[in-house]
Protein backbone atom coordinates (compact mmCIF):
# COMPACT_ATOMS: atom_id res chain seq x y z
CA MET A 1 0.00 0.00 0.00
CA THR A 2 1.26 3.47 -0.91
CA LEU A 3 0.25 5.90 1.80
CA ARG A 4 0.30 9.64 1.25
CA VAL A 5 -0.65 12.15 3.92
CA ASN A 6 -1.05 15.74 2.78
CA GLY A 7 0.75 14.73 -0.39
CA GLU A 8 3.79 13.29 1.43
CA VAL A 9 4.63 9.62 0.83
CA MET A 10 4.88 7.87 4.21
CA ALA A 11 7.42 4.99 4.34
CA ILE A 12 5.45 2.83 6.77
CA GLU A 13 6.10 -0.67 5.41
CA ARG A 14 8.57 -1.81 8.12
CA TYR A 15 6.68 -0.07 10.89
CA ALA A 16 3.32 -1.53 9.75
CA GLN A 17 4.82 -5.01 9.42
CA PHE A 18 6.42 -4.90 12.87
CA HIS A 19 3.20 -3.74 14.55
CA ALA A 20 0.76 -5.72 12.33
CA ARG A 21 -0.34 -8.17 15.00
CA ARG A 22 -0.84 -5.44 17.59
CA PHE A 23 -2.89 -3.49 15.04
CA ASP A 24 -5.01 -6.61 14.38
CA GLN A 25 -5.60 -7.23 18.10
CA THR A 26 -6.50 -3.58 18.68
CA LEU A 27 -9.01 -3.58 15.81
CA ASP A 28 -10.56 -6.73 17.26
CA LEU A 29 -11.05 -4.85 20.53
CA ILE A 30 -12.55 -1.85 18.77
CA ARG A 31 -15.08 -4.11 17.01
CA ARG A 32 -15.92 -5.96 20.19
CA HIS A 33 -16.62 -2.71 22.03
CA GLY A 34 -18.83 -1.26 19.33
CA GLY A 35 -16.61 1.03 17.25
CA GLY A 36 -18.38 4.29 16.45
CA SER A 37 -16.83 7.73 16.49
CA LEU A 38 -13.17 7.63 17.49
CA ILE A 39 -10.14 9.80 18.25
CA GLU A 40 -6.67 8.31 17.84
CA VAL A 41 -3.94 9.73 20.08
CA GLY A 42 -0.50 9.71 18.49
CA GLY A 43 -1.38 9.15 14.83
CA HIS A 44 2.02 9.74 13.23
CA PRO A 45 3.34 7.88 11.13
CA TRP A 46 -0.33 7.20 10.28
CA ALA A 47 -0.04 3.44 9.81
CA MET A 48 -2.80 2.61 12.32
CA THR A 49 -4.70 5.68 11.13
CA ALA A 50 -4.84 4.16 7.65
CA ARG A 51 -6.26 0.92 9.11
CA LEU A 52 -8.87 2.90 11.04
CA MET A 53 -9.91 4.83 7.94
CA GLN A 54 -10.69 1.52 6.20
CA GLU A 55 -12.42 -0.13 9.16
CA PRO A 56 -16.20 -0.60 8.78
CA GLY A 57 -18.11 0.78 11.75
CA VAL A 58 -15.37 3.27 12.72
CA ASP A 59 -15.78 7.00 12.14
CA LEU A 60 -12.33 8.56 12.72
CA LYS A 61 -13.16 12.07 13.91
CA ALA A 62 -9.61 13.21 14.69
CA THR A 63 -6.06 12.35 15.56
CA VAL A 64 -3.92 14.01 18.23
CA SER A 65 -0.32 14.20 17.11
CA ALA A 66 2.16 17.04 17.72
CA GLU A 67 3.26 18.68 14.50
CA GLU A 68 6.30 20.37 16.06
CA ILE A 69 9.25 18.97 18.01
CA SER A 70 10.55 21.33 20.68
CA ASN A 71 12.85 21.24 23.68
CA TRP A 72 10.25 23.47 25.36
CA SER A 73 7.17 21.44 24.68
CA ASP A 74 5.13 23.27 27.37
CA GLU A 75 5.03 26.19 24.97
CA LEU A 76 3.46 24.26 22.09
CA PRO A 77 0.21 25.90 21.01
CA VAL A 78 -2.96 23.92 20.41
CA THR A 79 -3.82 23.92 16.71
CA ARG A 80 -6.23 22.02 14.50
CA ASN A 81 -5.51 21.23 10.87
CA ARG A 82 -7.11 19.19 8.09
CA TYR A 83 -5.15 16.17 6.88
CA ASP A 84 -5.82 14.43 3.57
CA MET A 85 -4.99 10.72 3.24
CA ASP A 86 -4.49 8.85 -0.01
CA LEU A 87 -4.38 5.05 0.20
CA GLY A 88 -3.98 4.62 -3.53
CA ASP A 89 -7.52 3.31 -4.05
CA GLY A 90 -9.04 6.48 -5.45
CA VAL A 91 -11.21 7.08 -2.36
CA PRO A 92 -10.72 10.58 -0.87
CA ARG A 93 -10.27 10.57 2.90
CA SER A 94 -9.59 13.32 5.43
CA PHE A 95 -9.45 13.89 9.17
CA GLN A 96 -8.66 16.63 11.67
CA ASN A 97 -5.38 16.54 13.55
CA TYR A 98 -4.97 18.36 16.87
CA SER A 99 -1.39 19.34 17.62
CA ALA A 100 -0.69 19.91 21.31
CA ASN A 101 1.27 18.81 24.34
CA ILE A 102 -1.52 16.68 25.81
CA GLU A 103 0.21 16.12 29.16
CA ARG A 104 0.41 19.87 29.94
CA THR A 105 -2.57 21.42 28.13
CA ALA A 106 -6.24 20.59 28.55
CA PHE A 107 -8.20 21.37 25.40
CA PRO A 108 -11.62 20.56 23.90
CA VAL A 109 -12.41 18.73 20.68
CA GLU A 110 -15.23 19.56 18.24
CA GLU A 111 -17.54 16.79 19.42
CA ALA A 112 -17.47 14.07 22.06
CA VAL A 113 -16.73 10.58 20.74
CA ASP A 114 -17.55 6.99 21.57
CA MET A 115 -13.95 5.79 21.78
CA VAL A 116 -10.38 7.01 22.20
CA LEU A 117 -7.39 4.97 21.14
CA ALA A 118 -4.04 5.68 22.87
CA CYS A 119 -1.60 2.94 21.88
CA GLU A 120 2.12 3.02 22.69
CA ILE A 121 1.80 6.63 23.87
CA ILE A 122 1.71 6.87 27.63
CA GLU A 123 5.25 5.52 28.12
CA HIS A 124 6.59 8.52 26.18
CA VAL A 125 5.03 11.10 28.50
CA THR A 126 7.66 12.99 30.48
CA ARG A 127 5.78 14.21 33.57
CA ALA A 128 2.01 13.97 33.68
CA PRO A 129 0.32 10.85 32.26
CA HIS A 130 -2.76 11.66 34.37
CA ALA A 131 -3.19 14.79 32.24
CA VAL A 132 -3.36 12.60 29.14
CA MET A 133 -6.08 10.54 30.76
CA LEU A 134 -8.00 13.65 31.85
CA ASN A 135 -7.91 15.03 28.33
CA ILE A 136 -9.22 11.69 27.06
CA ASN A 137 -11.96 11.78 29.71
CA SER A 138 -13.10 15.19 28.44
CA TRP A 139 -13.27 14.00 24.81
CA LEU A 140 -15.42 10.94 25.54
CA LYS A 141 -19.18 10.72 25.76
CA PRO A 142 -20.56 9.37 29.07
CA GLY A 143 -19.88 5.63 29.01
CA GLY A 144 -17.28 6.03 26.27
CA ILE A 145 -14.37 3.62 25.93
CA VAL A 146 -10.61 4.20 26.03
CA ILE A 147 -8.13 1.58 24.78
CA LEU A 148 -4.53 1.86 25.95
CA THR A 149 -1.51 -0.25 25.18
CA THR A 150 2.02 0.17 26.53
CA PRO A 151 5.14 -1.96 26.99
CA ASN A 152 5.08 -4.32 29.97
CA GLY A 153 7.38 -2.96 32.70
CA THR A 154 7.93 -6.35 34.40
CA GLN A 155 9.33 -8.30 31.47
CA VAL A 156 11.67 -11.23 31.89
CA GLU A 157 15.07 -9.53 32.04
CA ASN A 158 14.55 -9.62 35.81
CA PRO A 159 12.38 -12.65 36.71
CA PHE A 160 11.96 -11.45 40.33
CA ARG A 161 10.82 -7.91 39.53
CA VAL A 162 7.31 -7.11 40.76
CA LYS A 163 7.54 -3.32 40.58
CA ALA A 164 8.07 -1.01 37.63
CA LYS A 165 11.73 -0.92 36.57
CA MET A 166 11.79 2.87 36.56
CA PRO A 167 11.28 5.15 39.59
CA ALA A 168 8.00 6.92 40.17
CA TYR A 169 7.19 9.71 37.73
CA ARG A 170 9.25 12.85 38.18
CA PRO A 171 9.95 15.76 35.81
CA SER A 172 12.47 14.42 33.33
CA VAL A 173 14.18 15.10 30.05
CA TYR A 174 12.70 13.13 27.19
CA SER A 175 14.60 9.89 26.59
CA ARG A 176 12.12 7.91 24.48
CA HIS A 177 10.37 5.66 27.07
CA ASN A 178 10.22 7.69 30.27
CA TYR A 179 8.32 5.14 32.31
CA CYS A 180 7.50 1.42 32.05
CA PHE A 181 4.16 0.57 33.63
CA ILE A 182 3.17 -2.53 35.48
CA MET A 183 -0.45 -3.60 35.16
CA ASP A 184 -1.47 -2.54 38.68
CA GLY A 185 0.07 0.91 38.22
CA LEU A 186 -1.55 1.44 34.85
CA THR A 187 -5.04 0.40 35.94
CA ASP A 188 -4.70 2.52 39.10
CA LEU A 189 -3.75 5.59 37.03
CA VAL A 190 -6.74 5.07 34.72
CA GLU A 191 -9.13 4.66 37.65
CA THR A 192 -8.05 7.95 39.26
CA CYS A 193 -9.15 9.82 36.11
CA GLY A 194 -12.85 8.90 36.01
CA PHE A 195 -12.75 5.42 34.45
CA GLU A 196 -13.63 1.89 35.44
CA ILE A 197 -11.59 -1.02 34.10
CA VAL A 198 -13.43 -3.23 31.61
CA GLU A 199 -10.50 -5.41 30.53
CA ALA A 200 -6.85 -5.69 31.57
CA ASN A 201 -4.99 -7.94 29.15
CA PHE A 202 -1.43 -9.14 28.60
CA TRP A 203 -0.36 -9.32 24.95
CA SER A 204 2.70 -10.61 23.11
CA PRO A 205 2.15 -9.32 19.58
CA TYR A 206 5.77 -9.02 18.40
CA VAL A 207 7.98 -11.58 16.69
CA ARG A 208 10.50 -13.34 18.90
CA LYS A 209 13.64 -15.00 17.59
CA GLY A 210 15.95 -17.75 18.71
CA GLY A 211 15.78 -18.89 22.31
CA SER A 212 13.32 -16.13 23.22
CA ASN A 213 10.63 -18.16 21.42
CA LEU A 214 10.49 -20.11 24.70
CA TYR A 215 9.05 -16.97 26.31
CA ARG A 216 5.94 -17.21 24.17
CA ALA A 217 5.40 -20.80 25.23
CA LEU A 218 5.72 -19.83 28.90
CA TYR A 219 3.41 -16.84 28.37
CA ASN A 220 0.79 -19.14 26.84
CA LEU A 221 0.73 -21.43 29.88
CA GLY A 222 -1.69 -19.02 31.47
CA PRO A 223 -0.92 -18.14 35.11
CA ARG A 224 -0.82 -14.37 35.75
CA TYR A 225 2.75 -14.53 37.05
CA LEU A 226 3.98 -15.96 33.75
CA LYS A 227 2.04 -13.39 31.78
CA ASN A 228 3.53 -10.67 33.96
CA LYS A 229 7.02 -11.99 33.22
CA PHE A 230 6.76 -12.89 29.55
CA ALA A 231 4.07 -10.64 28.01
CA GLN A 232 5.45 -7.83 25.85
CA THR A 233 2.50 -5.47 26.12
CA LEU A 234 -0.16 -4.33 28.57
CA CYS A 235 -3.61 -3.55 27.19
CA VAL A 236 -6.30 -1.83 29.25
CA VAL A 237 -9.87 -1.10 28.17
CA ALA A 238 -11.76 1.30 30.43
CA ARG A 239 -15.17 2.96 30.45
CA LYS A 240 -15.75 6.60 31.42
CA VAL A 241 -17.96 6.68 34.52
CA GLU A 242 -17.60 10.31 35.58
CA ASP A 243 -16.39 13.68 34.28
CA ARG A 244 -13.12 14.65 35.90
CA ASP A 245 -10.78 17.58 35.41
CA SER A 246 -8.37 16.43 38.09
CA ALA A 247 -7.23 13.06 39.41
CA SER A 248 -9.27 11.75 42.34
CA ARG A 249 -6.07 11.07 44.29
CA LEU A 250 -2.33 10.74 43.78
CA PRO A 251 -1.78 7.76 41.46
CA ARG A 252 0.62 5.07 42.69
CA CYS A 253 3.09 5.72 39.89
CA TYR A 254 3.86 9.25 41.14
CA ALA A 255 6.39 10.79 43.46
CA ARG A 256 4.96 14.17 44.40
CA GLU A 257 7.00 17.14 43.31
CA ALA A 258 6.17 20.80 42.94
CA GLY A 259 4.01 21.38 39.90
CA TRP A 260 3.21 17.73 39.13
CA GLU A 261 -0.51 18.52 38.96
CA ARG A 262 -0.27 21.68 36.84
CA ILE A 263 -2.32 21.61 33.66
CA ASP A 264 -2.86 24.65 31.48
CA GLY A 265 -6.18 25.23 29.78
CA ALA A 266 -6.56 26.14 26.13
CA ASP A 267 -9.67 28.26 25.52
CA THR A 268 -9.13 28.47 21.77
CA ILE A 269 -7.80 26.19 19.05
CA GLY A 270 -5.55 28.06 16.62
CA ASP A 271 -4.89 27.88 12.91
CA PRO A 272 -1.34 26.52 12.61
CA SER A 273 -0.59 28.76 9.63
CA ALA A 274 -1.18 31.83 11.83
CA ILE A 275 1.23 30.84 14.61
CA ASP A 276 4.90 31.76 14.61
CA ILE A 277 6.64 29.20 16.82
CA HIS A 278 10.21 30.34 16.02
């Protein structure tokens, strides 16, 4: 498939192949929980976005993906821009993309949706994953569904680990994955932001090679301890049960520091062409 977004050819073949099984499992979840109107958090490089655009029963209302990379991401404005997608089949497709720092800025979307997808996102957040969840809460209809996936923080490199392998969240400089969640920490974080857990699953969607194929056999044996140790991915499905603009309590994955709870509000969504960020 040749994918063009706003006229730019996206080289997604290797990325899409590597994540294909996770994409398939995620789409199965979306179907099982009813599909409907949907926002995808972290669309770029648009591989999953392309799958969503072709999925019957899914109405992709918007993506949330920062258009600018900055060392001072707190200063990123919130903008909304139309994106055109060409899958090479002659069918015109388009969606809105919101560009923002979703862990430091609370902002509205045009209309509330049935579902939000936030896959392989929350581990990249530098300081305030609860702010991501509170934004998602505000975008969902009452009873709406959020689907999250993230790497499993208790994988087999230390068979005795029962806690996350990184310290509690503190302000940090971005270094790709800033935190590795364990299942209890992830579900606790989600629950503090107005959600109830519907499913909490362990996945192993990625190809293993050589001796590590044994891990998949151990994972498939079934006991939770083995899934904790050998699953590659955590997947949580949660339902919105209340509107919240702040966490109900300090999540377990936090170490309190000054400013941890600060979230700025965006009253307006700008036109990116009218903003000088330099």
